[in-house]
């Protein structure tokens, strides 16, 4: 378990539980300092989180450098809401229209659609016409899905941490600690978009989860351990304070 330490309105960490216990015993940190770890509803004094650890003497709190203001990591005010994310999705959808239309035409989707209309107007069986259209447009459908997948994965794994739609609404995608996504994690997050080839309902369900999860995460965020936060990448002075030194001392 990793624990964040809060003191004088500032946040530090995260640190390993074993180190926290050692520092409490040695008096390097105070039992009155606040602590928070993943799954805890709110900050609690370290004396509450680790009641069995008693300092040998009353510690004198050392001075601390200036870091991020103390709020629970990924504070609720930072989470992007459902309608913000929906607005970003609409913008990205508009951006993707041009390359998707080009792929649809280049891979025979338009010809398949024209053939479908001719069959319908000629009185052909609807089920047969739709089946033939699906087969004829298969390559173009796959191409448009791949374009969308690459678009989201590359932009969200980039230094901007956001697609053009999210940038327009001042949003960014991070891992669970507020850090930039690796390309692999960005790809894993957006793999759910490939389900468009199977059933259109699944992506909608993934987004609806944003409305009721505590940190406004979609199912794809929960699977990939990611967050969508307010503020563009680089606007926050410190997204995660430095960890403790390798020598085991409290470095806050």
Protein backbone atom coordinates (compact mmCIF):
# COMPACT_ATOMS: atom_id res chain seq x y z
CA UNK A 1 0.00 0.00 0.00
CA UNK A 2 1.23 3.50 -0.84
CA UNK A 3 0.29 6.44 1.35
CA UNK A 4 0.21 10.18 0.68
CA UNK A 5 1.23 12.49 3.55
CA UNK A 6 -0.36 15.90 4.11
CA UNK A 7 1.01 18.66 6.27
CA UNK A 8 0.37 22.41 6.43
CA UNK A 9 -1.96 22.28 3.45
CA UNK A 10 0.55 20.45 1.22
CA UNK A 11 0.62 16.91 -0.23
CA UNK A 12 3.66 14.64 -0.43
CA UNK A 13 4.32 11.12 -1.64
CA UNK A 14 3.17 8.53 -2.18
CA UNK A 15 5.34 6.54 0.23
CA UNK A 16 5.41 2.86 1.15
CA UNK A 17 3.50 1.81 4.24
CA UNK A 18 6.64 0.30 5.79
CA UNK A 19 8.45 3.63 5.47
CA UNK A 20 5.52 5.51 7.02
CA UNK A 21 5.58 3.18 10.03
CA UNK A 22 9.35 3.55 10.43
CA UNK A 23 9.15 7.35 10.28
CA UNK A 24 6.37 7.38 12.87
CA UNK A 25 8.47 5.27 15.23
CA UNK A 26 11.59 7.39 14.68
CA UNK A 27 9.73 10.69 15.02
CA UNK A 28 10.59 11.87 11.49
CA UNK A 29 6.89 12.49 10.90
CA UNK A 30 4.14 13.40 13.33
CA UNK A 31 1.15 11.25 14.17
CA UNK A 32 -0.87 14.43 13.62
CA UNK A 33 0.11 14.59 9.95
CA UNK A 34 -2.67 13.57 7.60
CA UNK A 35 -2.58 10.47 5.43
CA UNK A 36 -4.52 9.16 2.43
CA UNK A 37 -4.34 6.00 0.35
CA UNK A 38 -6.32 4.55 -2.55
CA UNK A 39 -9.82 3.60 -1.43
CA UNK A 40 -9.90 5.91 1.62
CA UNK A 41 -12.84 8.34 1.52
CA UNK A 42 -10.99 11.27 3.12
CA UNK A 43 -7.72 12.29 4.73
CA UNK A 44 -7.14 10.92 8.25
CA UNK A 45 -4.46 11.58 10.90
CA UNK A 46 -1.65 9.06 10.75
CA UNK A 47 -2.45 8.23 14.37
CA UNK A 48 -5.81 6.91 13.13
CA UNK A 49 -4.40 5.07 10.12
CA UNK A 50 -1.53 3.50 12.11
CA UNK A 51 -2.69 3.45 15.77
CA UNK A 52 -0.13 0.81 16.72
CA UNK A 53 2.86 2.98 15.77
CA UNK A 54 3.98 5.21 18.67
CA UNK A 55 6.93 7.63 18.38
CA UNK A 56 9.69 7.37 20.94
CA UNK A 57 9.31 11.09 21.64
CA UNK A 58 7.18 13.97 20.47
CA UNK A 59 8.49 14.71 16.98
CA UNK A 60 9.41 18.15 15.79
CA UNK A 61 8.07 18.53 12.28
CA UNK A 62 10.84 19.47 9.82
CA UNK A 63 10.19 22.23 7.28
CA UNK A 64 8.62 21.13 4.01
CA UNK A 65 9.11 22.40 0.44
CA UNK A 66 6.22 23.89 -1.48
CA UNK A 67 4.22 21.24 -3.30
CA UNK A 68 0.65 20.71 -4.41
CA UNK A 69 -2.20 21.86 -2.15
CA UNK A 70 -3.61 19.04 -0.05
CA UNK A 71 -6.72 17.50 -1.40
CA UNK A 72 -7.41 13.85 -1.95
CA UNK A 73 -5.41 12.76 -5.01
CA UNK A 74 -7.45 13.27 -8.12
CA UNK A 75 -9.70 15.68 -6.19
CA UNK A 76 -13.36 15.54 -7.11
CA UNK A 77 -13.21 19.08 -8.50
CA UNK A 78 -10.64 17.88 -11.05
CA UNK A 79 -12.77 15.16 -12.61
CA UNK A 80 -14.25 15.90 -16.02
CA UNK A 81 -18.00 15.40 -15.97
CA UNK A 82 -20.18 13.41 -18.33
CA UNK A 83 -21.31 16.37 -20.44
CA UNK A 84 -17.79 17.75 -20.74
CA UNK A 85 -16.61 14.43 -22.08
CA UNK A 86 -19.63 14.14 -24.33
CA UNK A 87 -18.84 17.58 -25.79
CA UNK A 88 -15.24 16.54 -26.42
CA UNK A 89 -16.49 13.35 -28.10
CA UNK A 90 -18.73 15.38 -30.43
CA UNK A 91 -15.80 17.60 -31.44
CA UNK A 92 -13.59 14.56 -32.08
CA UNK A 93 -16.39 12.96 -34.09
CA UNK A 94 -16.51 16.04 -36.33
CA UNK A 95 -12.71 15.98 -36.72
CA UNK A 96 -12.81 12.29 -37.68
CA UNK A 97 -15.49 12.77 -40.34
CA UNK A 98 -13.00 13.72 -43.07
CA UNK A 99 -10.47 10.84 -42.70
CA UNK A 100 -13.31 8.38 -42.07
CA UNK A 101 -15.15 9.52 -45.19
CA UNK A 102 -11.98 9.15 -47.25
CA UNK A 103 -11.45 5.61 -45.92
CA UNK A 104 -15.12 4.77 -46.49
CA UNK A 105 -14.82 5.79 -50.15
CA UNK A 106 -11.35 4.30 -50.73
CA UNK A 107 -12.28 0.86 -49.35
CA UNK A 108 -15.52 0.47 -51.27
CA UNK A 109 -18.03 1.55 -48.67
CA UNK A 110 -19.71 4.07 -50.97
CA UNK A 111 -20.10 1.51 -53.76
CA UNK A 112 -21.60 -0.95 -51.28
CA UNK A 113 -24.07 1.70 -50.15
CA UNK A 114 -25.11 2.54 -53.72
CA UNK A 115 -25.65 -1.15 -54.43
CA UNK A 116 -27.76 -1.41 -51.27
CA UNK A 117 -29.98 1.48 -52.40
CA UNK A 118 -30.43 -0.07 -55.84
CA UNK A 119 -31.51 -3.35 -54.27
CA UNK A 120 -34.00 -1.63 -51.95
CA UNK A 121 -35.47 0.43 -54.78
CA UNK A 122 -35.69 -2.71 -56.93
CA UNK A 123 -37.77 -4.52 -54.31
CA UNK A 124 -35.09 -6.98 -53.20
CA UNK A 125 -35.38 -8.79 -49.89
CA UNK A 126 -34.28 -6.36 -47.17
CA UNK A 127 -32.41 -8.95 -45.11
CA UNK A 128 -30.44 -10.04 -48.18
CA UNK A 129 -29.70 -6.43 -49.16
CA UNK A 130 -28.43 -5.58 -45.69
CA UNK A 131 -26.30 -8.70 -45.52
CA UNK A 132 -24.68 -7.90 -48.86
CA UNK A 133 -24.12 -4.31 -47.79
CA UNK A 134 -22.43 -5.45 -44.58
CA UNK A 135 -20.10 -7.70 -46.54
CA UNK A 136 -19.37 -5.03 -49.14
CA UNK A 137 -18.67 -2.34 -46.53
CA UNK A 138 -16.67 -4.57 -44.20
CA UNK A 139 -13.24 -3.29 -45.27
CA UNK A 140 -14.28 0.35 -45.07
CA UNK A 141 -15.87 -0.20 -41.65
CA UNK A 142 -12.69 -1.78 -40.30
CA UNK A 143 -10.63 1.07 -41.76
CA UNK A 144 -12.74 3.75 -40.05
CA UNK A 145 -12.56 1.91 -36.70
CA UNK A 146 -8.76 1.63 -36.96
CA UNK A 147 -8.50 5.33 -37.82
CA UNK A 148 -10.51 6.23 -34.72
CA UNK A 149 -8.48 3.88 -32.51
CA UNK A 150 -5.13 5.26 -33.71
CA UNK A 151 -6.43 8.84 -33.41
CA UNK A 152 -7.43 8.45 -29.76
CA UNK A 153 -4.47 6.31 -28.69
CA UNK A 154 -1.81 8.57 -30.24
CA UNK A 155 -3.31 11.85 -29.04
CA UNK A 156 -4.04 10.64 -25.50
CA UNK A 157 -0.58 9.09 -25.23
CA UNK A 158 1.10 12.25 -26.54
CA UNK A 159 2.55 15.17 -24.57
CA UNK A 160 -0.85 16.88 -24.87
CA UNK A 161 -2.56 13.91 -23.14
CA UNK A 162 -5.73 14.75 -25.05
CA UNK A 163 -7.47 14.57 -28.40
CA UNK A 164 -8.35 17.86 -30.16
CA UNK A 165 -11.84 17.61 -28.66
CA UNK A 166 -10.49 17.30 -25.13
CA UNK A 167 -7.95 20.07 -25.76
CA UNK A 168 -10.76 22.36 -26.89
CA UNK A 169 -12.57 21.78 -23.58
CA UNK A 170 -9.37 21.92 -21.50
CA UNK A 171 -9.36 18.26 -20.47
CA UNK A 172 -6.55 15.73 -20.20
CA UNK A 173 -6.26 11.96 -19.76
CA UNK A 174 -3.97 10.62 -17.02
CA UNK A 175 -3.18 7.42 -15.21
CA UNK A 176 -4.55 6.89 -11.71
CA UNK A 177 -1.73 9.02 -10.22
CA UNK A 178 -2.31 11.95 -12.55
CA UNK A 179 0.64 11.14 -14.81
CA UNK A 180 0.89 10.99 -18.61
CA UNK A 181 -0.24 7.74 -20.19
CA UNK A 182 2.20 5.44 -21.88
CA UNK A 183 1.30 4.61 -25.46
CA UNK A 184 0.47 1.06 -24.37
CA UNK A 185 -1.94 2.22 -21.68
CA UNK A 186 -3.53 4.70 -24.09
CA UNK A 187 -4.01 1.87 -26.59
CA UNK A 188 -5.50 -0.40 -23.91
CA UNK A 189 -7.89 2.37 -22.83
CA UNK A 190 -9.14 2.86 -26.36
CA UNK A 191 -9.30 -0.79 -27.35
CA UNK A 192 -12.94 -0.68 -26.27
CA UNK A 193 -13.67 1.43 -29.34
CA UNK A 194 -12.98 -1.63 -31.47
CA UNK A 195 -16.22 -3.12 -30.14
CA UNK A 196 -17.98 -0.88 -32.65
CA UNK A 197 -17.34 -3.72 -35.10
CA UNK A 198 -19.41 -6.06 -32.91
CA UNK A 199 -22.19 -4.00 -31.34
CA UNK A 200 -22.79 -0.26 -31.20
CA UNK A 201 -24.31 -0.34 -27.71
CA UNK A 202 -21.15 -1.30 -25.80
CA UNK A 203 -19.25 2.01 -26.24
CA UNK A 204 -22.36 3.91 -25.10
CA UNK A 205 -22.57 1.80 -21.93
CA UNK A 206 -18.87 2.46 -21.29
CA UNK A 207 -19.47 6.21 -21.37
CA UNK A 208 -22.66 6.11 -19.31
CA UNK A 209 -20.61 4.75 -16.40
CA UNK A 210 -19.05 8.23 -16.13
CA UNK A 211 -22.36 9.52 -14.74
CA UNK A 212 -22.38 7.29 -11.63
CA UNK A 213 -18.80 6.22 -10.80
CA UNK A 214 -17.11 8.09 -7.93
CA UNK A 215 -14.27 9.48 -10.01
CA UNK A 216 -16.37 9.84 -13.17
CA UNK A 217 -14.63 6.95 -14.89
CA UNK A 218 -16.01 5.12 -17.88
CA UNK A 219 -15.63 1.35 -18.06
CA UNK A 220 -12.60 1.82 -20.31
CA UNK A 221 -11.08 4.11 -17.64
CA UNK A 222 -11.71 1.50 -14.94
CA UNK A 223 -10.15 -1.27 -17.02
CA UNK A 224 -7.05 0.78 -17.91
CA UNK A 225 -6.83 2.63 -14.54
CA UNK A 226 -7.10 6.07 -16.12
CA UNK A 227 -8.80 9.37 -15.33
CA UNK A 228 -10.07 12.31 -17.35
CA UNK A 229 -9.31 15.55 -15.48
CA UNK A 230 -9.95 19.22 -15.96
CA UNK A 231 -7.00 21.33 -17.11
CA UNK A 232 -4.60 20.85 -19.97
CA UNK A 233 -1.31 19.00 -19.56
CA UNK A 234 1.38 21.25 -18.13
CA UNK A 235 -1.01 23.69 -16.50
CA UNK A 236 -0.51 22.08 -13.09
CA UNK A 237 2.77 23.04 -11.49
CA UNK A 238 3.19 19.63 -9.85
CA UNK A 239 1.10 16.63 -10.80
CA UNK A 240 2.79 14.23 -8.37
CA UNK A 241 5.27 15.22 -5.64
CA UNK A 242 8.61 13.40 -5.60
CA UNK A 243 8.94 10.13 -3.70
CA UNK A 244 11.09 9.62 -0.64
CA UNK A 245 14.86 9.29 -0.98
CA UNK A 246 16.38 5.87 -1.51
CA UNK A 247 18.03 6.10 1.94
CA UNK A 248 14.67 5.61 3.63
CA UNK A 249 14.38 9.16 5.02
CA UNK A 250 11.21 11.24 4.82
CA UNK A 251 11.78 13.59 1.88
CA UNK A 252 8.78 15.88 1.91
